[in-house]
Amino acid sequence: MNRTLRIFGTVFSMIGILLLVVAGLIFGSAMRFKARALAVDGQVAGMIRTFDTEHRRHHGYKPVVVFTSRDGKVHKVVGRVATYPPLYHIGQSVRVLYDPADTNDVNIGSLATDKFFLAYIPGGIGIVFSLVGGSFLLTLIRHRRVNAWLAENGTLVQATIEEVYQDMHVRINGRNPWKVRCRWQDPFTQNVCFFVSDGLEGDRSRYAPGNSITVLVNPQNPKQNRVMLE
């Protein structure tokens, strides 16, 4: 279990951090563009319909905008972002930001729908991956802390094996791990507790139903336990 949590947590966290770095670089570039850009009014002269040749379907529409830079020259640019339904209609007036040193470097309409939009995609995915990876790593840390506490303060009890089953909800290296499920009755409260082991390795025949198995448990909180596999 610890190995699985460590692998998944590390991989997801690294991918998330990498995507956040990419988003940060794109966002920084957009901010620098915003600082040097000049603003003029443009007009939507047409719409370009994008098409996915592999899946044979339309992705959306990109606006074609005409604007006049402050030196009097007329320029025609195509928006970076394709949307469906289209954000603009032909003849609509739009705000255009352009780099005076490179009039091909433009932003059409709101920064949120053009340059900054390119940062939202890896940024959003990066946040999700980081949260998932972080949750795996936090679970690993909590699991290790519980095991350390049990090793020092836990009580050894003898539980009865109920079954050895394959956990179909977990998949590691293409396989579903086998686990031991056992029961123990607290002699003081008479409450029946069920414990589940980590993944089994090696011969499963040693854990036949009805046999005894040692469990390290916190009597005050039986949810904190560790089934002692050989």
C-alpha atoms as a PDB file:
ATOM      1  CA  MET A   1       0.000   0.000   0.000  1.00  0.00           C
ATOM      2  CA  ASN A   2       2.763   2.416   0.971  1.00  0.00           C
ATOM      3  CA  ARG A   3       4.589   1.769  -2.285  1.00  0.00           C
ATOM      4  CA  THR A   4       1.442   2.340  -4.330  1.00  0.00           C
ATOM      5  CA  LEU A   5       0.611   5.589  -2.538  1.00  0.00           C
ATOM      6  CA  ARG A   6       4.186   6.802  -2.945  1.00  0.00           C
ATOM      7  CA  ILE A   7       4.276   6.037  -6.678  1.00  0.00           C
ATOM      8  CA  PHE A   8       0.870   7.550  -7.465  1.00  0.00           C
ATOM      9  CA  GLY A   9       1.435  10.527  -5.193  1.00  0.00           C
ATOM     10  CA  THR A  10       4.846  11.301  -6.657  1.00  0.00           C
ATOM     11  CA  VAL A  11       3.781  10.887 -10.288  1.00  0.00           C
ATOM     12  CA  PHE A  12       0.591  12.941  -9.970  1.00  0.00           C
ATOM     13  CA  SER A  13       2.326  15.652  -7.973  1.00  0.00           C
ATOM     14  CA  MET A  14       5.216  15.944 -10.436  1.00  0.00           C
ATOM     15  CA  ILE A  15       2.852  16.172 -13.416  1.00  0.00           C
ATOM     16  CA  GLY A  16       0.748  18.735 -11.566  1.00  0.00           C
ATOM     17  CA  ILE A  17       3.752  20.869 -10.649  1.00  0.00           C
ATOM     18  CA  LEU A  18       5.086  20.710 -14.212  1.00  0.00           C
ATOM     19  CA  LEU A  19       1.736  21.837 -15.632  1.00  0.00           C
ATOM     20  CA  LEU A  20       1.531  24.665 -13.089  1.00  0.00           C
ATOM     21  CA  VAL A  21       5.020  25.812 -14.091  1.00  0.00           C
ATOM     22  CA  VAL A  22       3.960  25.817 -17.756  1.00  0.00           C
ATOM     23  CA  ALA A  23       0.815  27.776 -16.835  1.00  0.00           C
ATOM     24  CA  GLY A  24       2.927  30.231 -14.859  1.00  0.00           C
ATOM     25  CA  LEU A  25       5.251  30.808 -17.805  1.00  0.00           C
ATOM     26  CA  ILE A  26       2.308  31.392 -20.149  1.00  0.00           C
ATOM     27  CA  PHE A  27       0.648  33.705 -17.630  1.00  0.00           C
ATOM     28  CA  GLY A  28       3.876  35.662 -17.174  1.00  0.00           C
ATOM     29  CA  SER A  29       4.223  36.052 -20.933  1.00  0.00           C
ATOM     30  CA  ALA A  30       0.628  37.316 -21.134  1.00  0.00           C
ATOM     31  CA  MET A  31       1.278  39.839 -18.375  1.00  0.00           C
ATOM     32  CA  ARG A  32       4.382  41.145 -20.131  1.00  0.00           C
ATOM     33  CA  PHE A  33       2.388  41.437 -23.349  1.00  0.00           C
ATOM     34  CA  LYS A  34      -0.330  43.362 -21.527  1.00  0.00           C
ATOM     35  CA  ALA A  35       2.252  45.818 -20.155  1.00  0.00           C
ATOM     36  CA  ARG A  36       3.649  46.738 -23.576  1.00  0.00           C
ATOM     37  CA  ALA A  37       0.542  46.324 -25.753  1.00  0.00           C
ATOM     38  CA  LEU A  38      -1.441  49.158 -27.352  1.00  0.00           C
ATOM     39  CA  ALA A  39      -5.238  49.105 -27.452  1.00  0.00           C
ATOM     40  CA  VAL A  40      -7.327  49.885 -30.554  1.00  0.00           C
ATOM     41  CA  ASP A  41     -10.808  49.040 -31.800  1.00  0.00           C
ATOM     42  CA  GLY A  42     -11.167  46.314 -34.400  1.00  0.00           C
ATOM     43  CA  GLN A  43     -14.022  44.694 -36.256  1.00  0.00           C
ATOM     44  CA  VAL A  44     -14.902  41.059 -36.830  1.00  0.00           C
ATOM     45  CA  ALA A  45     -14.643  40.532 -40.585  1.00  0.00           C
ATOM     46  CA  GLY A  46     -15.383  36.817 -40.677  1.00  0.00           C
ATOM     47  CA  MET A  47     -15.367  33.470 -38.857  1.00  0.00           C
ATOM     48  CA  ILE A  48     -13.162  30.458 -39.517  1.00  0.00           C
ATOM     49  CA  ARG A  49     -14.701  27.086 -38.693  1.00  0.00           C
ATOM     50  CA  THR A  50     -12.138  24.621 -37.352  1.00  0.00           C
ATOM     51  CA  PHE A  51     -12.408  20.939 -38.213  1.00  0.00           C
ATOM     52  CA  ASP A  52     -10.945  17.807 -36.617  1.00  0.00           C
ATOM     53  CA  THR A  53      -9.969  15.599 -39.563  1.00  0.00           C
ATOM     54  CA  GLU A  54      -9.242  12.601 -37.327  1.00  0.00           C
ATOM     55  CA  HIS A  55     -12.662  12.507 -35.651  1.00  0.00           C
ATOM     56  CA  ARG A  56     -14.432  14.259 -38.535  1.00  0.00           C
ATOM     57  CA  ARG A  57     -16.168  16.846 -36.417  1.00  0.00           C
ATOM     58  CA  HIS A  58     -16.177  20.621 -35.973  1.00  0.00           C
ATOM     59  CA  HIS A  59     -14.323  22.123 -33.029  1.00  0.00           C
ATOM     60  CA  GLY A  60     -15.686  25.667 -33.158  1.00  0.00           C
ATOM     61  CA  TYR A  61     -15.159  29.083 -34.691  1.00  0.00           C
ATOM     62  CA  LYS A  62     -12.227  31.486 -34.642  1.00  0.00           C
ATOM     63  CA  PRO A  63     -12.856  35.191 -35.324  1.00  0.00           C
ATOM     64  CA  VAL A  64     -11.081  37.011 -38.159  1.00  0.00           C
ATOM     65  CA  VAL A  65     -10.512  40.594 -37.008  1.00  0.00           C
ATOM     66  CA  VAL A  66      -9.408  43.644 -38.949  1.00  0.00           C
ATOM     67  CA  PHE A  67      -7.837  46.571 -37.086  1.00  0.00           C
ATOM     68  CA  THR A  68      -5.806  49.657 -37.836  1.00  0.00           C
ATOM     69  CA  SER A  69      -2.617  50.159 -35.858  1.00  0.00           C
ATOM     70  CA  ARG A  70      -1.644  53.598 -34.624  1.00  0.00           C
ATOM     71  CA  ASP A  71       0.734  54.030 -37.571  1.00  0.00           C
ATOM     72  CA  GLY A  72      -2.282  53.858 -39.933  1.00  0.00           C
ATOM     73  CA  LYS A  73      -1.653  50.359 -41.300  1.00  0.00           C
ATOM     74  CA  VAL A  74      -4.514  47.866 -41.617  1.00  0.00           C
ATOM     75  CA  HIS A  75      -3.994  44.356 -40.244  1.00  0.00           C
ATOM     76  CA  LYS A  76      -5.994  41.154 -40.338  1.00  0.00           C
ATOM     77  CA  VAL A  77      -5.557  38.544 -37.599  1.00  0.00           C
ATOM     78  CA  VAL A  78      -7.188  35.271 -36.592  1.00  0.00           C
ATOM     79  CA  GLY A  79      -8.090  34.568 -32.975  1.00  0.00           C
ATOM     80  CA  ARG A  80      -6.232  31.814 -31.130  1.00  0.00           C
ATOM     81  CA  VAL A  81      -9.240  30.284 -29.409  1.00  0.00           C
ATOM     82  CA  ALA A  82     -11.980  28.368 -31.230  1.00  0.00           C
ATOM     83  CA  THR A  83     -15.343  28.291 -29.443  1.00  0.00           C
ATOM     84  CA  TYR A  84     -18.787  26.865 -30.046  1.00  0.00           C
ATOM     85  CA  PRO A  85     -21.035  28.718 -30.182  1.00  0.00           C
ATOM     86  CA  PRO A  86     -18.840  31.544 -31.530  1.00  0.00           C
ATOM     87  CA  LEU A  87     -18.036  34.379 -29.123  1.00  0.00           C
ATOM     88  CA  TYR A  88     -18.425  37.060 -31.801  1.00  0.00           C
ATOM     89  CA  HIS A  89     -20.520  37.795 -34.867  1.00  0.00           C
ATOM     90  CA  ILE A  90     -19.480  39.377 -38.156  1.00  0.00           C
ATOM     91  CA  GLY A  91     -19.480  43.147 -37.967  1.00  0.00           C
ATOM     92  CA  GLN A  92     -19.061  43.226 -34.202  1.00  0.00           C
ATOM     93  CA  SER A  93     -16.644  45.764 -32.749  1.00  0.00           C
ATOM     94  CA  VAL A  94     -13.961  44.229 -30.524  1.00  0.00           C
ATOM     95  CA  ARG A  95     -11.076  45.516 -28.456  1.00  0.00           C
ATOM     96  CA  VAL A  96      -7.662  44.574 -29.844  1.00  0.00           C
ATOM     97  CA  LEU A  97      -4.378  44.683 -27.987  1.00  0.00           C
ATOM     98  CA  TYR A  98      -1.273  44.448 -30.152  1.00  0.00           C
ATOM     99  CA  ASP A  99       2.463  44.576 -29.647  1.00  0.00           C
ATOM    100  CA  PRO A 100       3.774  47.707 -31.419  1.00  0.00           C
ATOM    101  CA  ALA A 101       7.016  45.842 -32.147  1.00  0.00           C
ATOM    102  CA  ASP A 102       5.146  42.903 -33.699  1.00  0.00           C
ATOM    103  CA  THR A 103       1.626  43.598 -34.973  1.00  0.00           C
ATOM    104  CA  ASN A 104       1.087  39.864 -35.515  1.00  0.00           C
ATOM    105  CA  ASP A 105       1.206  39.411 -31.733  1.00  0.00           C
ATOM    106  CA  VAL A 106      -2.334  40.409 -30.776  1.00  0.00           C
ATOM    107  CA  ASN A 107      -5.061  39.677 -28.271  1.00  0.00           C
ATOM    108  CA  ILE A 108      -8.673  39.841 -29.388  1.00  0.00           C
ATOM    109  CA  GLY A 109     -11.368  40.830 -26.932  1.00  0.00           C
ATOM    110  CA  SER A 110     -10.939  39.959 -23.272  1.00  0.00           C
ATOM    111  CA  LEU A 111      -7.539  38.710 -22.177  1.00  0.00           C
ATOM    112  CA  ALA A 112      -9.403  35.935 -20.386  1.00  0.00           C
ATOM    113  CA  THR A 113     -10.614  34.505 -23.710  1.00  0.00           C
ATOM    114  CA  ASP A 114      -7.356  34.685 -25.645  1.00  0.00           C
ATOM    115  CA  LYS A 115      -3.813  34.866 -24.274  1.00  0.00           C
ATOM    116  CA  PHE A 116      -4.653  34.083 -20.655  1.00  0.00           C
ATOM    117  CA  PHE A 117      -6.945  31.251 -21.784  1.00  0.00           C
ATOM    118  CA  LEU A 118      -3.840  29.336 -22.868  1.00  0.00           C
ATOM    119  CA  ALA A 119      -2.656  29.426 -19.253  1.00  0.00           C
ATOM    120  CA  TYR A 120      -5.999  28.300 -17.824  1.00  0.00           C
ATOM    121  CA  ILE A 121      -5.863  24.885 -19.479  1.00  0.00           C
ATOM    122  CA  PRO A 122      -2.545  23.576 -18.045  1.00  0.00           C
ATOM    123  CA  GLY A 123      -3.201  25.554 -14.855  1.00  0.00           C
ATOM    124  CA  GLY A 124      -6.564  23.903 -14.223  1.00  0.00           C
ATOM    125  CA  ILE A 125      -5.289  20.424 -15.036  1.00  0.00           C
ATOM    126  CA  GLY A 126      -2.172  21.072 -12.949  1.00  0.00           C
ATOM    127  CA  ILE A 127      -4.268  22.013  -9.913  1.00  0.00           C
ATOM    128  CA  VAL A 128      -6.311  18.812 -10.227  1.00  0.00           C
ATOM    129  CA  PHE A 129      -3.212  16.611 -10.578  1.00  0.00           C
ATOM    130  CA  SER A 130      -1.497  18.384  -7.678  1.00  0.00           C
ATOM    131  CA  LEU A 131      -4.524  17.921  -5.426  1.00  0.00           C
ATOM    132  CA  VAL A 132      -4.817  14.235  -6.318  1.00  0.00           C
ATOM    133  CA  GLY A 133      -1.085  13.646  -5.873  1.00  0.00           C
ATOM    134  CA  GLY A 134      -1.079  15.601  -2.623  1.00  0.00           C
ATOM    135  CA  SER A 135      -3.985  13.554  -1.270  1.00  0.00           C
ATOM    136  CA  PHE A 136      -2.059  10.331  -2.021  1.00  0.00           C
ATOM    137  CA  LEU A 137       1.050  11.657  -0.267  1.00  0.00           C
ATOM    138  CA  LEU A 138      -0.947  12.929   2.731  1.00  0.00           C
ATOM    139  CA  THR A 139      -2.609   9.531   3.023  1.00  0.00           C
ATOM    140  CA  LEU A 140       0.835   7.906   2.934  1.00  0.00           C
ATOM    141  CA  ILE A 141       2.141  10.232   5.660  1.00  0.00           C
ATOM    142  CA  ARG A 142      -0.923   9.597   7.821  1.00  0.00           C
ATOM    143  CA  HIS A 143      -0.606   5.832   7.259  1.00  0.00           C
ATOM    144  CA  ARG A 144       3.051   5.885   8.281  1.00  0.00           C
ATOM    145  CA  ARG A 145       2.284   7.927  11.390  1.00  0.00           C
ATOM    146  CA  VAL A 146      -0.437   5.484  12.428  1.00  0.00           C
ATOM    147  CA  ASN A 147       1.908   2.527  11.889  1.00  0.00           C
ATOM    148  CA  ALA A 148       4.649   4.248  13.903  1.00  0.00           C
ATOM    149  CA  TRP A 149       2.214   4.922  16.738  1.00  0.00           C
ATOM    150  CA  LEU A 150       0.952   1.336  16.638  1.00  0.00           C
ATOM    151  CA  ALA A 151       4.488  -0.032  16.699  1.00  0.00           C
ATOM    152  CA  GLU A 152       5.137   1.875  19.927  1.00  0.00           C
ATOM    153  CA  ASN A 153       1.748   1.910  21.640  1.00  0.00           C
ATOM    154  CA  GLY A 154      -0.477  -0.618  19.881  1.00  0.00           C
ATOM    155  CA  THR A 155      -1.875  -3.833  21.340  1.00  0.00           C
ATOM    156  CA  LEU A 156      -1.368  -7.221  19.708  1.00  0.00           C
ATOM    157  CA  VAL A 157      -4.606  -9.185  19.371  1.00  0.00           C
ATOM    158  CA  GLN A 158      -5.574 -12.432  17.693  1.00  0.00           C
ATOM    159  CA  ALA A 159      -8.228 -12.065  15.018  1.00  0.00           C
ATOM    160  CA  THR A 160      -9.993 -14.749  12.988  1.00  0.00           C
ATOM    161  CA  ILE A 161      -9.586 -14.791   9.218  1.00  0.00           C
ATOM    162  CA  GLU A 162     -12.916 -14.368   7.463  1.00  0.00           C
ATOM    163  CA  GLU A 163     -11.733 -14.507   3.864  1.00  0.00           C
ATOM    164  CA  VAL A 164      -8.934 -13.863   1.421  1.00  0.00           C
ATOM    165  CA  TYR A 165     -10.326 -11.815  -1.436  1.00  0.00           C
ATOM    166  CA  GLN A 166      -9.210  -9.936  -4.502  1.00  0.00           C
ATOM    167  CA  ASP A 167      -9.802  -6.205  -4.231  1.00  0.00           C
ATOM    168  CA  MET A 168     -11.382  -5.283  -7.560  1.00  0.00           C
ATOM    169  CA  HIS A 169     -11.428  -1.587  -6.656  1.00  0.00           C
ATOM    170  CA  VAL A 170      -7.628  -1.330  -6.641  1.00  0.00           C
ATOM    171  CA  ARG A 171      -5.286  -2.109  -9.524  1.00  0.00           C
ATOM    172  CA  ILE A 172      -1.489  -2.215  -9.136  1.00  0.00           C
ATOM    173  CA  ASN A 173       0.810  -3.003 -12.048  1.00  0.00           C
ATOM    174  CA  GLY A 174      -2.171  -4.312 -13.976  1.00  0.00           C
ATOM    175  CA  ARG A 175      -3.304  -6.633 -11.190  1.00  0.00           C
ATOM    176  CA  ASN A 176      -5.900  -6.531  -8.424  1.00  0.00           C
ATOM    177  CA  PRO A 177      -4.223  -7.256  -5.061  1.00  0.00           C
ATOM    178  CA  TRP A 178      -5.317 -10.011  -2.702  1.00  0.00           C
ATOM    179  CA  LYS A 179      -6.162  -9.004   0.864  1.00  0.00           C
ATOM    180  CA  VAL A 180      -7.020 -10.688   4.147  1.00  0.00           C
ATOM    181  CA  ARG A 181     -10.252  -9.748   5.904  1.00  0.00           C
ATOM    182  CA  CYS A 182     -10.476 -10.761   9.538  1.00  0.00           C
ATOM    183  CA  ARG A 183     -12.672 -10.186  12.603  1.00  0.00           C
ATOM    184  CA  TRP A 184     -11.913  -9.519  16.239  1.00  0.00           C
ATOM    185  CA  GLN A 185     -14.227  -9.127  19.220  1.00  0.00           C
ATOM    186  CA  ASP A 186     -13.152  -6.627  21.850  1.00  0.00           C
ATOM    187  CA  PRO A 187     -13.220  -8.588  25.145  1.00  0.00           C
ATOM    188  CA  PHE A 188     -14.174  -5.480  27.128  1.00  0.00           C
ATOM    189  CA  THR A 189     -16.861  -3.867  24.968  1.00  0.00           C
ATOM    190  CA  GLN A 190     -17.874  -7.041  23.076  1.00  0.00           C
ATOM    191  CA  ASN A 191     -17.870  -4.979  19.891  1.00  0.00           C
ATOM    192  CA  VAL A 192     -16.921  -6.890  16.744  1.00  0.00           C
ATOM    193  CA  CYS A 193     -14.311  -5.215  14.551  1.00  0.00           C
ATOM    194  CA  PHE A 194     -13.291  -6.119  11.022  1.00  0.00           C
ATOM    195  CA  PHE A 195      -9.770  -5.500   9.720  1.00  0.00           C
ATOM    196  CA  VAL A 196      -8.366  -5.600   6.191  1.00  0.00           C
ATOM    197  CA  SER A 197      -4.707  -6.165   5.405  1.00  0.00           C
ATOM    198  CA  ASP A 198      -2.486  -4.556   2.831  1.00  0.00           C
ATOM    199  CA  GLY A 199      -1.894  -6.452  -0.413  1.00  0.00           C
ATOM    200  CA  LEU A 200      -0.673 -10.020  -0.034  1.00  0.00           C
ATOM    201  CA  GLU A 201       2.583 -11.190  -1.546  1.00  0.00           C
ATOM    202  CA  GLY A 202       3.500 -14.814  -2.003  1.00  0.00           C
ATOM    203  CA  ASP A 203       1.541 -17.889  -0.915  1.00  0.00           C
ATOM    204  CA  ARG A 204      -2.083 -17.140   0.005  1.00  0.00           C
ATOM    205  CA  SER A 205      -2.786 -20.662   1.320  1.00  0.00           C
ATOM    206  CA  ARG A 206      -1.286 -19.705   4.704  1.00  0.00           C
ATOM    207  CA  TYR A 207      -4.286 -17.483   5.360  1.00  0.00           C
ATOM    208  CA  ALA A 208      -7.145 -19.986   5.303  1.00  0.00           C
ATOM    209  CA  PRO A 209     -10.522 -18.827   6.662  1.00  0.00           C
ATOM    210  CA  GLY A 210     -10.886 -19.761  10.332  1.00  0.00           C
ATOM    211  CA  ASN A 211      -7.179 -19.450  11.101  1.00  0.00           C
ATOM    212  CA  SER A 212      -5.886 -16.900  13.571  1.00  0.00           C
ATOM    213  CA  ILE A 213      -3.877 -13.876  12.499  1.00  0.00           C
ATOM    214  CA  THR A 214      -2.118 -11.242  14.572  1.00  0.00           C
ATOM    215  CA  VAL A 215      -3.340  -7.658  14.377  1.00  0.00           C
ATOM    216  CA  LEU A 216      -1.730  -4.598  15.912  1.00  0.00           C
ATOM    217  CA  VAL A 217      -4.576  -2.377  17.034  1.00  0.00           C
ATOM    218  CA  ASN A 218      -5.366   0.782  18.950  1.00  0.00           C
ATOM    219  CA  PRO A 219      -7.995  -0.431  21.444  1.00  0.00           C
ATOM    220  CA  GLN A 220      -9.356   3.109  21.821  1.00  0.00           C
ATOM    221  CA  ASN A 221      -9.764   3.456  18.062  1.00  0.00           C
ATOM    222  CA  PRO A 222      -9.851   0.060  16.308  1.00  0.00           C
ATOM    223  CA  LYS A 223      -9.915   1.793  12.919  1.00  0.00           C
ATOM    224  CA  GLN A 224      -6.223   2.316  13.524  1.00  0.00           C
ATOM    225  CA  ASN A 225      -4.849  -1.153  12.946  1.00  0.00           C
ATOM    226  CA  ARG A 226      -2.319  -3.179  11.041  1.00  0.00           C
ATOM    227  CA  VAL A 227      -2.831  -6.784  10.036  1.00  0.00           C
ATOM    228  CA  MET A 228       0.524  -8.499  10.551  1.00  0.00           C
ATOM    229  CA  LEU A 229       1.249 -10.400   7.357  1.00  0.00           C
ATOM    230  CA  GLU A 230       4.200 -12.790   7.332  1.00  0.00           C
END
